[in-house]
Amino acid sequence: MAEPMRIRATMAGDVADVKVLMNHPMETGLRKDAKTGQMIPAHFITEVIATVNGTPVLAAEMSGGISKNPYLGFKVKGPKAGDKVAVSWADNKGDKNSVEATIG
């Protein structure tokens, strides 16, 4: 099971500021294990989707070039305090994770 993600969503005027910390190893497949000398298999997030009240507001593709435990910040115009924002990811091994917050 994937580790929990952390999310914070705040309003600034008519713009929601969303910040998400996604716990993930983000292995490129090009690094060797220091102890065994074996290549560490690629394991990285490939897709991130964000919604506000179920409506998609962001879709992104990622690859192994992103650092471990990626931090994503984005702004969305139009939501109101109390709306629900959800962010989910899927990786190249079929793992998935998601988190939801109320915009404050």
C-alpha atoms as a PDB file:
ATOM      1  CA  MET A   1       0.000   0.000   0.000  1.00  0.00           C
ATOM      2  CA  ALA A   2       1.236   3.465  -0.885  1.00  0.00           C
ATOM      3  CA  GLU A   3       2.131   5.909   1.858  1.00  0.00           C
ATOM      4  CA  PRO A   4      -0.376   8.703   2.493  1.00  0.00           C
ATOM      5  CA  MET A   5      -0.071  11.954   0.590  1.00  0.00           C
ATOM      6  CA  ARG A   6      -0.393  15.369   2.200  1.00  0.00           C
ATOM      7  CA  ILE A   7      -2.510  18.174   0.750  1.00  0.00           C
ATOM      8  CA  ARG A   8      -3.347  21.757   1.657  1.00  0.00           C
ATOM      9  CA  ALA A   9      -5.807  23.976  -0.206  1.00  0.00           C
ATOM     10  CA  THR A  10      -6.437  27.610   0.689  1.00  0.00           C
ATOM     11  CA  MET A  11      -8.376  30.442  -0.926  1.00  0.00           C
ATOM     12  CA  ALA A  12      -6.757  33.738  -1.929  1.00  0.00           C
ATOM     13  CA  GLY A  13      -9.478  35.916  -3.437  1.00  0.00           C
ATOM     14  CA  ASP A  14     -11.164  33.809  -6.138  1.00  0.00           C
ATOM     15  CA  VAL A  15      -8.157  31.481  -6.562  1.00  0.00           C
ATOM     16  CA  ALA A  16      -7.559  28.216  -4.717  1.00  0.00           C
ATOM     17  CA  ASP A  17      -3.886  27.531  -3.962  1.00  0.00           C
ATOM     18  CA  VAL A  18      -3.319  23.758  -3.777  1.00  0.00           C
ATOM     19  CA  LYS A  19      -0.116  22.125  -2.513  1.00  0.00           C
ATOM     20  CA  VAL A  20       0.424  18.350  -2.536  1.00  0.00           C
ATOM     21  CA  LEU A  21       3.306  16.199  -1.291  1.00  0.00           C
ATOM     22  CA  MET A  22       3.249  12.809  -3.050  1.00  0.00           C
ATOM     23  CA  ASN A  23       5.228  10.080  -1.266  1.00  0.00           C
ATOM     24  CA  HIS A  24       6.910   7.979  -3.955  1.00  0.00           C
ATOM     25  CA  PRO A  25      10.438   6.610  -4.591  1.00  0.00           C
ATOM     26  CA  MET A  26      10.520   7.898  -8.218  1.00  0.00           C
ATOM     27  CA  GLU A  27      13.268   5.481  -9.341  1.00  0.00           C
ATOM     28  CA  THR A  28      14.552   6.066 -12.875  1.00  0.00           C
ATOM     29  CA  GLY A  29      15.754   2.520 -13.468  1.00  0.00           C
ATOM     30  CA  LEU A  30      19.269   3.877 -14.108  1.00  0.00           C
ATOM     31  CA  ARG A  31      20.607   3.741 -10.541  1.00  0.00           C
ATOM     32  CA  LYS A  32      22.505   0.863  -8.923  1.00  0.00           C
ATOM     33  CA  ASP A  33      21.917  -0.432  -5.388  1.00  0.00           C
ATOM     34  CA  ALA A  34      25.071   0.511  -3.420  1.00  0.00           C
ATOM     35  CA  LYS A  35      25.099  -2.814  -1.516  1.00  0.00           C
ATOM     36  CA  THR A  36      24.317  -5.314  -4.283  1.00  0.00           C
ATOM     37  CA  GLY A  37      25.483  -3.507  -7.416  1.00  0.00           C
ATOM     38  CA  GLN A  38      22.187  -4.491  -9.070  1.00  0.00           C
ATOM     39  CA  MET A  39      20.159  -1.976 -11.043  1.00  0.00           C
ATOM     40  CA  ILE A  40      17.145  -0.635  -9.138  1.00  0.00           C
ATOM     41  CA  PRO A  41      14.039  -1.197 -11.308  1.00  0.00           C
ATOM     42  CA  ALA A  42      12.204   1.851 -12.657  1.00  0.00           C
ATOM     43  CA  HIS A  43       9.302   2.879 -10.408  1.00  0.00           C
ATOM     44  CA  PHE A  44       7.830   6.330 -10.994  1.00  0.00           C
ATOM     45  CA  ILE A  45       4.559   8.243 -11.171  1.00  0.00           C
ATOM     46  CA  THR A  46       3.233   8.428 -14.726  1.00  0.00           C
ATOM     47  CA  GLU A  47      -0.035  10.354 -14.286  1.00  0.00           C
ATOM     48  CA  VAL A  48      -1.440  12.942 -11.872  1.00  0.00           C
ATOM     49  CA  ILE A  49      -5.061  14.112 -11.934  1.00  0.00           C
ATOM     50  CA  ALA A  50      -6.653  16.845  -9.797  1.00  0.00           C
ATOM     51  CA  THR A  51     -10.367  17.563  -9.476  1.00  0.00           C
ATOM     52  CA  VAL A  52     -12.493  20.160  -7.731  1.00  0.00           C
ATOM     53  CA  ASN A  53     -15.920  18.800  -6.747  1.00  0.00           C
ATOM     54  CA  GLY A  54     -15.328  15.943  -9.216  1.00  0.00           C
ATOM     55  CA  THR A  55     -14.509  18.196 -12.181  1.00  0.00           C
ATOM     56  CA  PRO A  56     -10.987  17.720 -13.610  1.00  0.00           C
ATOM     57  CA  VAL A  57      -8.821  20.830 -13.243  1.00  0.00           C
ATOM     58  CA  LEU A  58      -5.358  19.361 -13.894  1.00  0.00           C
ATOM     59  CA  ALA A  59      -3.959  16.345 -15.741  1.00  0.00           C
ATOM     60  CA  ALA A  60      -0.203  15.807 -15.924  1.00  0.00           C
ATOM     61  CA  GLU A  61       2.148  13.146 -17.205  1.00  0.00           C
ATOM     62  CA  MET A  62       5.375  12.452 -15.314  1.00  0.00           C
ATOM     63  CA  SER A  63       8.419  10.268 -15.847  1.00  0.00           C
ATOM     64  CA  GLY A  64      11.502   9.063 -14.006  1.00  0.00           C
ATOM     65  CA  GLY A  65      13.070  12.515 -14.275  1.00  0.00           C
ATOM     66  CA  ILE A  66      11.079  13.811 -11.284  1.00  0.00           C
ATOM     67  CA  SER A  67      12.675  13.748  -7.817  1.00  0.00           C
ATOM     68  CA  LYS A  68      11.697  11.418  -4.968  1.00  0.00           C
ATOM     69  CA  ASN A  69       8.526  12.463  -3.072  1.00  0.00           C
ATOM     70  CA  PRO A  70       7.403  15.051  -5.645  1.00  0.00           C
ATOM     71  CA  TYR A  71       5.829  18.286  -4.447  1.00  0.00           C
ATOM     72  CA  LEU A  72       3.143  19.744  -6.697  1.00  0.00           C
ATOM     73  CA  GLY A  73       1.663  23.207  -6.323  1.00  0.00           C
ATOM     74  CA  PHE A  74      -1.002  24.713  -8.561  1.00  0.00           C
ATOM     75  CA  LYS A  75      -3.688  27.406  -8.541  1.00  0.00           C
ATOM     76  CA  VAL A  76      -7.290  27.058  -9.695  1.00  0.00           C
ATOM     77  CA  LYS A  77      -9.578  30.006 -10.375  1.00  0.00           C
ATOM     78  CA  GLY A  78     -13.239  29.655  -9.489  1.00  0.00           C
ATOM     79  CA  PRO A  79     -13.609  27.282  -6.504  1.00  0.00           C
ATOM     80  CA  LYS A  80     -15.111  28.484  -3.255  1.00  0.00           C
ATOM     81  CA  ALA A  81     -14.150  27.794   0.351  1.00  0.00           C
ATOM     82  CA  GLY A  82     -15.711  24.489   1.348  1.00  0.00           C
ATOM     83  CA  ASP A  83     -15.312  22.880  -2.096  1.00  0.00           C
ATOM     84  CA  LYS A  84     -13.519  19.522  -2.261  1.00  0.00           C
ATOM     85  CA  VAL A  85     -10.208  19.162  -4.085  1.00  0.00           C
ATOM     86  CA  ALA A  86      -8.809  15.702  -4.822  1.00  0.00           C
ATOM     87  CA  VAL A  87      -5.445  14.686  -6.279  1.00  0.00           C
ATOM     88  CA  SER A  88      -4.573  11.173  -7.443  1.00  0.00           C
ATOM     89  CA  TRP A  89      -1.619   9.520  -9.117  1.00  0.00           C
ATOM     90  CA  ALA A  90      -0.845   6.252 -10.891  1.00  0.00           C
ATOM     91  CA  ASP A  91       2.617   4.800 -11.485  1.00  0.00           C
ATOM     92  CA  ASN A  92       4.336   2.511 -13.975  1.00  0.00           C
ATOM     93  CA  LYS A  93       3.800  -0.548 -11.731  1.00  0.00           C
ATOM     94  CA  GLY A  94       0.039  -0.061 -11.405  1.00  0.00           C
ATOM     95  CA  ASP A  95       0.153   1.473  -7.907  1.00  0.00           C
ATOM     96  CA  LYS A  96      -2.271   4.314  -7.195  1.00  0.00           C
ATOM     97  CA  ASN A  97      -2.806   6.838  -4.433  1.00  0.00           C
ATOM     98  CA  SER A  98      -5.142   9.747  -3.783  1.00  0.00           C
ATOM     99  CA  VAL A  99      -5.886  12.435  -1.256  1.00  0.00           C
ATOM    100  CA  GLU A 100      -8.763  14.856  -0.726  1.00  0.00           C
ATOM    101  CA  ALA A 101      -9.122  18.132   1.163  1.00  0.00           C
ATOM    102  CA  THR A 102     -11.667  20.837   1.756  1.00  0.00           C
ATOM    103  CA  ILE A 103     -10.612  24.210   0.390  1.00  0.00           C
ATOM    104  CA  GLY A 104     -10.261  26.612   3.311  1.00  0.00           C
END
